[in-house]
N, C-alpha and C. Protein backbone atom coordinates (compact mmCIF):
# COMPACT_ATOMS: atom_id res chain seq x y z
N MET A 1 17.38 7.82 -0.95
CA MET A 1 16.24 7.18 -1.55
C MET A 1 16.68 5.86 -2.17
N GLU A 2 15.83 4.90 -2.15
CA GLU A 2 16.16 3.58 -2.67
C GLU A 2 16.13 3.58 -4.20
N ASP A 3 16.97 2.73 -4.78
CA ASP A 3 16.93 2.56 -6.23
C ASP A 3 15.73 1.71 -6.59
N ILE A 4 14.97 2.16 -7.55
CA ILE A 4 13.77 1.44 -7.98
C ILE A 4 14.12 0.68 -9.25
N GLU A 5 13.89 -0.62 -9.21
CA GLU A 5 14.16 -1.44 -10.38
C GLU A 5 13.05 -1.25 -11.40
N PRO A 6 13.40 -1.16 -12.67
CA PRO A 6 12.36 -1.02 -13.69
C PRO A 6 11.53 -2.31 -13.78
N VAL A 7 10.25 -2.12 -14.03
CA VAL A 7 9.33 -3.26 -14.13
C VAL A 7 9.27 -3.71 -15.58
N ASP A 8 9.32 -5.00 -15.78
CA ASP A 8 9.23 -5.55 -17.13
C ASP A 8 7.88 -5.19 -17.73
N PRO A 9 7.85 -4.69 -18.97
CA PRO A 9 6.58 -4.29 -19.59
C PRO A 9 5.56 -5.43 -19.69
N GLU A 10 6.02 -6.65 -19.91
CA GLU A 10 5.10 -7.79 -20.00
C GLU A 10 4.44 -8.06 -18.65
N TYR A 11 5.22 -7.98 -17.58
CA TYR A 11 4.67 -8.17 -16.24
C TYR A 11 3.65 -7.07 -15.94
N LEU A 12 4.00 -5.84 -16.26
CA LEU A 12 3.11 -4.71 -16.00
C LEU A 12 1.81 -4.83 -16.79
N LYS A 13 1.91 -5.27 -18.02
CA LYS A 13 0.71 -5.46 -18.84
C LYS A 13 -0.20 -6.52 -18.22
N GLY A 14 0.38 -7.62 -17.78
CA GLY A 14 -0.40 -8.68 -17.13
C GLY A 14 -1.00 -8.21 -15.81
N PHE A 15 -0.23 -7.44 -15.03
CA PHE A 15 -0.72 -6.92 -13.76
C PHE A 15 -1.95 -6.04 -13.99
N ASN A 16 -1.84 -5.12 -14.93
CA ASN A 16 -2.96 -4.22 -15.21
C ASN A 16 -4.18 -4.98 -15.72
N GLU A 17 -3.96 -5.98 -16.55
CA GLU A 17 -5.09 -6.78 -17.05
C GLU A 17 -5.77 -7.53 -15.91
N GLY A 18 -4.96 -8.15 -15.05
CA GLY A 18 -5.53 -8.89 -13.92
C GLY A 18 -6.28 -7.99 -12.97
N TYR A 19 -5.74 -6.80 -12.74
CA TYR A 19 -6.37 -5.84 -11.83
C TYR A 19 -7.73 -5.38 -12.38
N ILE A 20 -7.75 -4.98 -13.64
CA ILE A 20 -8.98 -4.44 -14.24
C ILE A 20 -10.04 -5.53 -14.40
N ILE A 21 -9.62 -6.70 -14.86
CA ILE A 21 -10.60 -7.77 -15.06
C ILE A 21 -11.18 -8.22 -13.72
N LYS A 22 -10.36 -8.28 -12.68
CA LYS A 22 -10.86 -8.68 -11.36
C LYS A 22 -11.85 -7.66 -10.83
N GLN A 23 -11.64 -6.38 -11.11
CA GLN A 23 -12.57 -5.35 -10.65
C GLN A 23 -13.93 -5.46 -11.34
N HIS A 24 -13.92 -5.72 -12.63
CA HIS A 24 -15.16 -5.67 -13.41
C HIS A 24 -15.80 -7.03 -13.69
N MET A 25 -14.98 -8.06 -13.79
CA MET A 25 -15.50 -9.41 -14.04
C MET A 25 -14.75 -10.41 -13.16
N PRO A 26 -15.06 -10.43 -11.87
CA PRO A 26 -14.28 -11.25 -10.93
C PRO A 26 -14.26 -12.74 -11.25
N ASP A 27 -15.37 -13.29 -11.71
CA ASP A 27 -15.41 -14.72 -12.02
C ASP A 27 -14.48 -15.06 -13.17
N LEU A 28 -14.48 -14.22 -14.20
CA LEU A 28 -13.59 -14.44 -15.34
C LEU A 28 -12.14 -14.36 -14.91
N ALA A 29 -11.81 -13.40 -14.06
CA ALA A 29 -10.43 -13.25 -13.59
C ALA A 29 -9.98 -14.49 -12.82
N ASP A 30 -10.85 -15.05 -12.02
CA ASP A 30 -10.51 -16.25 -11.27
C ASP A 30 -10.26 -17.44 -12.20
N LYS A 31 -11.10 -17.57 -13.22
CA LYS A 31 -10.93 -18.67 -14.18
C LYS A 31 -9.65 -18.50 -14.98
N LEU A 32 -9.38 -17.28 -15.40
CA LEU A 32 -8.15 -17.02 -16.17
C LEU A 32 -6.91 -17.26 -15.32
N ALA A 33 -6.95 -16.84 -14.07
CA ALA A 33 -5.79 -17.02 -13.19
C ALA A 33 -5.46 -18.48 -12.99
N SER A 34 -6.47 -19.32 -12.96
CA SER A 34 -6.21 -20.75 -12.77
C SER A 34 -5.77 -21.44 -14.05
N SER A 35 -6.02 -20.82 -15.20
CA SER A 35 -5.70 -21.48 -16.46
C SER A 35 -4.45 -20.94 -17.15
N VAL A 36 -3.93 -19.79 -16.72
CA VAL A 36 -2.74 -19.24 -17.39
C VAL A 36 -1.51 -19.98 -16.92
N GLY A 37 -0.47 -19.88 -17.71
CA GLY A 37 0.77 -20.60 -17.41
C GLY A 37 1.63 -19.88 -16.38
N ASP A 38 2.94 -20.06 -16.53
CA ASP A 38 3.89 -19.48 -15.58
C ASP A 38 4.77 -18.41 -16.20
N SER A 39 4.29 -17.77 -17.24
CA SER A 39 5.09 -16.73 -17.88
C SER A 39 5.10 -15.48 -17.00
N LEU A 40 5.93 -14.53 -17.37
CA LEU A 40 6.03 -13.28 -16.63
C LEU A 40 4.72 -12.51 -16.68
N ARG A 41 4.08 -12.51 -17.83
CA ARG A 41 2.79 -11.83 -17.97
C ARG A 41 1.71 -12.52 -17.12
N SER A 42 1.75 -13.83 -17.07
CA SER A 42 0.79 -14.59 -16.26
C SER A 42 0.98 -14.29 -14.78
N GLN A 43 2.23 -14.20 -14.36
CA GLN A 43 2.51 -13.87 -12.96
C GLN A 43 2.01 -12.47 -12.64
N GLY A 44 2.19 -11.54 -13.57
CA GLY A 44 1.66 -10.19 -13.39
C GLY A 44 0.16 -10.18 -13.29
N PHE A 45 -0.51 -11.00 -14.13
CA PHE A 45 -1.97 -11.12 -14.09
C PHE A 45 -2.43 -11.58 -12.71
N LYS A 46 -1.78 -12.63 -12.20
CA LYS A 46 -2.15 -13.17 -10.90
C LYS A 46 -1.90 -12.14 -9.79
N ASP A 47 -0.79 -11.42 -9.87
CA ASP A 47 -0.48 -10.42 -8.86
C ASP A 47 -1.47 -9.25 -8.91
N GLY A 48 -1.88 -8.84 -10.11
CA GLY A 48 -2.87 -7.78 -10.24
C GLY A 48 -4.21 -8.20 -9.66
N ARG A 49 -4.59 -9.42 -9.92
CA ARG A 49 -5.84 -9.97 -9.37
C ARG A 49 -5.76 -10.02 -7.85
N ASN A 50 -4.63 -10.46 -7.32
CA ASN A 50 -4.46 -10.54 -5.87
C ASN A 50 -4.44 -9.16 -5.22
N GLU A 51 -3.95 -8.16 -5.92
CA GLU A 51 -3.94 -6.80 -5.38
C GLU A 51 -5.36 -6.29 -5.15
N VAL A 52 -6.26 -6.58 -6.08
CA VAL A 52 -7.66 -6.20 -5.90
C VAL A 52 -8.23 -6.89 -4.66
N LEU A 53 -7.90 -8.15 -4.48
CA LEU A 53 -8.38 -8.89 -3.30
C LEU A 53 -7.85 -8.26 -2.01
N ARG A 54 -6.57 -7.87 -1.99
CA ARG A 54 -6.00 -7.23 -0.81
C ARG A 54 -6.67 -5.89 -0.52
N GLU A 55 -6.94 -5.12 -1.57
CA GLU A 55 -7.60 -3.83 -1.39
C GLU A 55 -9.01 -4.00 -0.83
N ARG A 56 -9.71 -4.98 -1.33
CA ARG A 56 -11.07 -5.24 -0.83
C ARG A 56 -11.03 -5.68 0.63
N GLU A 57 -10.04 -6.45 0.98
CA GLU A 57 -9.89 -6.90 2.36
C GLU A 57 -9.60 -5.71 3.27
N ARG A 58 -8.73 -4.80 2.83
CA ARG A 58 -8.41 -3.62 3.62
C ARG A 58 -9.63 -2.72 3.83
N GLU A 59 -10.54 -2.68 2.86
CA GLU A 59 -11.73 -1.85 2.98
C GLU A 59 -12.64 -2.33 4.10
N ARG A 60 -12.53 -3.58 4.46
CA ARG A 60 -13.38 -4.14 5.52
C ARG A 60 -12.85 -3.78 6.91
N TYR A 61 -11.58 -3.35 7.00
CA TYR A 61 -11.00 -2.97 8.28
C TYR A 61 -11.58 -1.65 8.77
N PRO A 62 -11.55 -1.41 10.07
CA PRO A 62 -11.92 -0.08 10.57
C PRO A 62 -10.95 0.97 10.01
N LYS A 63 -11.39 2.19 9.97
CA LYS A 63 -10.60 3.25 9.35
C LYS A 63 -9.22 3.38 9.99
N TRP A 64 -9.13 3.23 11.29
CA TRP A 64 -7.85 3.41 11.96
C TRP A 64 -6.85 2.30 11.63
N LEU A 65 -7.33 1.17 11.12
CA LEU A 65 -6.43 0.10 10.71
C LEU A 65 -6.05 0.20 9.23
N ARG A 66 -6.79 0.94 8.46
CA ARG A 66 -6.53 1.04 7.03
C ARG A 66 -5.30 1.87 6.71
N SER A 67 -4.98 2.85 7.54
CA SER A 67 -3.88 3.75 7.23
C SER A 67 -2.54 3.03 7.30
N ASP A 68 -1.58 3.64 6.69
CA ASP A 68 -0.23 3.10 6.71
C ASP A 68 0.34 3.33 8.11
N ARG A 69 0.52 2.27 8.84
CA ARG A 69 0.91 2.39 10.25
C ARG A 69 2.29 3.00 10.41
N LEU A 70 3.20 2.73 9.51
CA LEU A 70 4.54 3.27 9.62
C LEU A 70 4.52 4.78 9.49
N SER A 71 3.82 5.30 8.49
CA SER A 71 3.79 6.74 8.31
C SER A 71 3.05 7.41 9.46
N SER A 72 2.02 6.76 10.01
CA SER A 72 1.31 7.37 11.13
C SER A 72 2.20 7.39 12.37
N LEU A 73 3.05 6.37 12.56
CA LEU A 73 3.98 6.38 13.68
C LEU A 73 5.00 7.50 13.52
N GLU A 74 5.49 7.69 12.30
CA GLU A 74 6.45 8.77 12.05
C GLU A 74 5.79 10.12 12.31
N ASP A 75 4.54 10.29 11.92
CA ASP A 75 3.82 11.53 12.17
C ASP A 75 3.69 11.79 13.66
N LYS A 76 3.37 10.75 14.42
CA LYS A 76 3.23 10.90 15.87
C LYS A 76 4.55 11.32 16.50
N GLU A 77 5.65 10.72 16.04
CA GLU A 77 6.95 11.08 16.57
C GLU A 77 7.27 12.54 16.27
N LEU A 78 6.98 12.97 15.06
CA LEU A 78 7.24 14.36 14.70
C LEU A 78 6.37 15.30 15.53
N ARG A 79 5.10 14.95 15.71
CA ARG A 79 4.22 15.79 16.51
C ARG A 79 4.68 15.87 17.95
N SER A 80 5.15 14.75 18.52
CA SER A 80 5.60 14.78 19.91
C SER A 80 6.87 15.60 20.04
N LYS A 81 7.76 15.56 19.05
CA LYS A 81 8.95 16.40 19.07
C LYS A 81 8.58 17.87 19.02
N ASP A 82 7.61 18.20 18.17
CA ASP A 82 7.15 19.59 18.07
C ASP A 82 6.51 20.02 19.38
N ARG A 83 5.75 19.14 19.99
CA ARG A 83 5.09 19.45 21.25
C ARG A 83 6.12 19.71 22.34
N ASP A 84 7.17 18.87 22.38
CA ASP A 84 8.23 19.05 23.37
C ASP A 84 8.97 20.36 23.13
N LYS A 85 9.17 20.69 21.88
CA LYS A 85 9.84 21.93 21.53
C LYS A 85 9.03 23.12 22.00
N ASP A 86 7.72 23.06 21.81
CA ASP A 86 6.84 24.13 22.25
C ASP A 86 6.87 24.28 23.77
N LYS A 87 6.97 23.20 24.49
CA LYS A 87 7.02 23.25 25.95
C LYS A 87 8.28 23.97 26.42
N GLU A 88 9.38 23.75 25.72
CA GLU A 88 10.62 24.42 26.09
C GLU A 88 10.47 25.94 25.98
N ASP A 89 9.76 26.39 24.97
CA ASP A 89 9.58 27.82 24.75
C ASP A 89 8.65 28.43 25.79
N ILE A 90 7.74 27.67 26.36
CA ILE A 90 6.72 28.19 27.26
C ILE A 90 7.19 28.24 28.71
N GLU A 91 8.05 27.37 29.10
CA GLU A 91 8.46 27.28 30.51
C GLU A 91 9.08 28.60 30.96
N PRO A 92 8.68 29.06 32.13
CA PRO A 92 9.23 30.32 32.64
C PRO A 92 10.68 30.14 33.09
N GLU A 93 11.42 31.20 33.05
CA GLU A 93 12.79 31.15 33.52
C GLU A 93 12.77 31.17 35.04
N ARG A 94 13.68 30.45 35.62
CA ARG A 94 13.74 30.35 37.08
C ARG A 94 14.90 31.20 37.59
N ASP A 95 14.65 31.82 38.72
CA ASP A 95 15.71 32.58 39.37
C ASP A 95 16.66 31.62 40.04
N ARG A 96 17.90 31.91 39.98
CA ARG A 96 18.88 31.03 40.60
C ARG A 96 19.49 31.65 41.79
């Protein structure tokens, strides 16, 4: 498993604020994002706001495009391996 770096509390606070404000008051979030500085909390605010935009964009996709493609590919590979395994068990023995 990968090592997860701890998130700075100021960045996290800004991210959560940007996310919530963009959900409930999108115009205000846009104005705030353009007026905040370059601090860590400001960057978190902008990233939280952008996350809401990405989620809304994903909602417009068809259902088959919304899923995580990597995990669905892994699932397909596992299912095909299981299917092949089942075929081995079903094949009749041949006389030699």
